[in-house]
Protein backbone atom coordinates (compact mmCIF):
# COMPACT_ATOMS: atom_id res chain seq x y z
CA UNK A 1 -125.55 -73.93 -15.54
CA UNK A 2 -127.13 -71.25 -13.42
CA UNK A 3 -127.47 -67.91 -15.17
CA UNK A 4 -127.99 -64.79 -13.12
CA UNK A 5 -130.49 -62.09 -14.01
CA UNK A 6 -127.53 -59.75 -14.51
CA UNK A 7 -126.00 -62.04 -17.16
CA UNK A 8 -129.37 -62.41 -18.91
CA UNK A 9 -129.84 -58.64 -18.96
CA UNK A 10 -126.29 -58.12 -20.22
CA UNK A 11 -126.92 -60.57 -23.07
CA UNK A 12 -130.20 -58.86 -23.95
CA UNK A 13 -128.51 -55.45 -23.90
CA UNK A 14 -125.75 -56.78 -26.16
CA UNK A 15 -128.34 -58.11 -28.63
CA UNK A 16 -130.11 -54.73 -28.65
CA UNK A 17 -126.78 -53.07 -29.45
CA UNK A 18 -126.16 -55.56 -32.25
CA UNK A 19 -129.59 -54.84 -33.71
CA UNK A 20 -128.73 -51.14 -33.89
CA UNK A 21 -125.21 -51.68 -35.25
CA UNK A 22 -126.18 -51.94 -38.92
CA UNK A 23 -124.88 -55.48 -39.39
CA UNK A 24 -126.06 -57.63 -42.26
CA UNK A 25 -128.65 -60.24 -41.26
CA UNK A 26 -126.16 -63.14 -41.20
CA UNK A 27 -123.70 -61.25 -38.98
CA UNK A 28 -126.51 -60.19 -36.66
CA UNK A 29 -127.77 -63.76 -36.28
CA UNK A 30 -124.26 -65.13 -35.74
CA UNK A 31 -123.44 -62.60 -33.04
CA UNK A 32 -126.88 -62.81 -31.40
CA UNK A 33 -126.57 -66.60 -31.33
CA UNK A 34 -123.30 -66.32 -29.41
CA UNK A 35 -124.97 -64.10 -26.80
CA UNK A 36 -128.00 -66.38 -26.51
CA UNK A 37 -125.84 -69.51 -26.20
CA UNK A 38 -124.05 -67.94 -23.24
CA UNK A 39 -127.26 -67.72 -21.20
CA UNK A 40 -129.66 -70.29 -22.71
CA UNK A 41 -128.33 -73.84 -22.76
CA UNK A 42 -129.63 -75.89 -25.68
CA UNK A 43 -128.96 -79.04 -27.65
CA UNK A 44 -129.44 -77.22 -30.94
CA UNK A 45 -130.91 -74.12 -32.48
CA UNK A 46 -132.47 -72.69 -35.60
CA UNK A 47 -132.39 -68.93 -36.10
CA UNK A 48 -133.70 -67.39 -39.27
CA UNK A 49 -134.09 -63.85 -40.52
CA UNK A 50 -137.66 -63.19 -41.60
CA UNK A 51 -139.53 -60.60 -43.60
CA UNK A 52 -141.54 -58.62 -41.02
CA UNK A 53 -144.57 -58.38 -43.33
CA UNK A 54 -144.89 -62.05 -44.25
CA UNK A 55 -142.77 -63.70 -41.53
CA UNK A 56 -141.24 -65.86 -44.27
CA UNK A 57 -137.54 -66.65 -44.07
CA UNK A 58 -135.36 -64.45 -46.27
CA UNK A 59 -132.65 -67.08 -46.76
CA UNK A 60 -130.32 -66.08 -43.96
CA UNK A 61 -130.00 -68.18 -40.87
CA UNK A 62 -128.16 -70.47 -38.53
CA UNK A 63 -128.76 -74.14 -37.88
CA UNK A 64 -126.71 -75.73 -35.14
CA UNK A 65 -126.86 -79.37 -34.07
CA UNK A 66 -130.23 -80.12 -35.66
CA UNK A 67 -130.86 -82.68 -38.40
CA UNK A 68 -131.03 -81.10 -41.84
CA UNK A 69 -134.23 -82.98 -42.65
CA UNK A 70 -135.90 -81.38 -39.64
CA UNK A 71 -135.06 -77.86 -40.85
CA UNK A 72 -135.56 -78.35 -44.59
CA UNK A 73 -139.36 -77.86 -44.59
CA UNK A 74 -138.96 -74.46 -42.92
CA UNK A 75 -136.26 -73.36 -45.35
CA UNK A 76 -138.24 -74.65 -48.33
CA UNK A 77 -141.43 -72.91 -47.25
């Protein structure tokens, strides 16, 4: 799939708008994931909300098409 610069910019703009929309972390990740998937092909993804001070996961996230055992150490940490 070839993605134009215009589509990439549109996706980035949409994610910026989502970030300013006041969504809860899970809604933000879900919607951002949809925008990213439209322009970045992948076999799987892991998105997690993190504390900006510690960069530790705060328990909200998305795992798509990845083995649970591969993601568990990150969630457990």
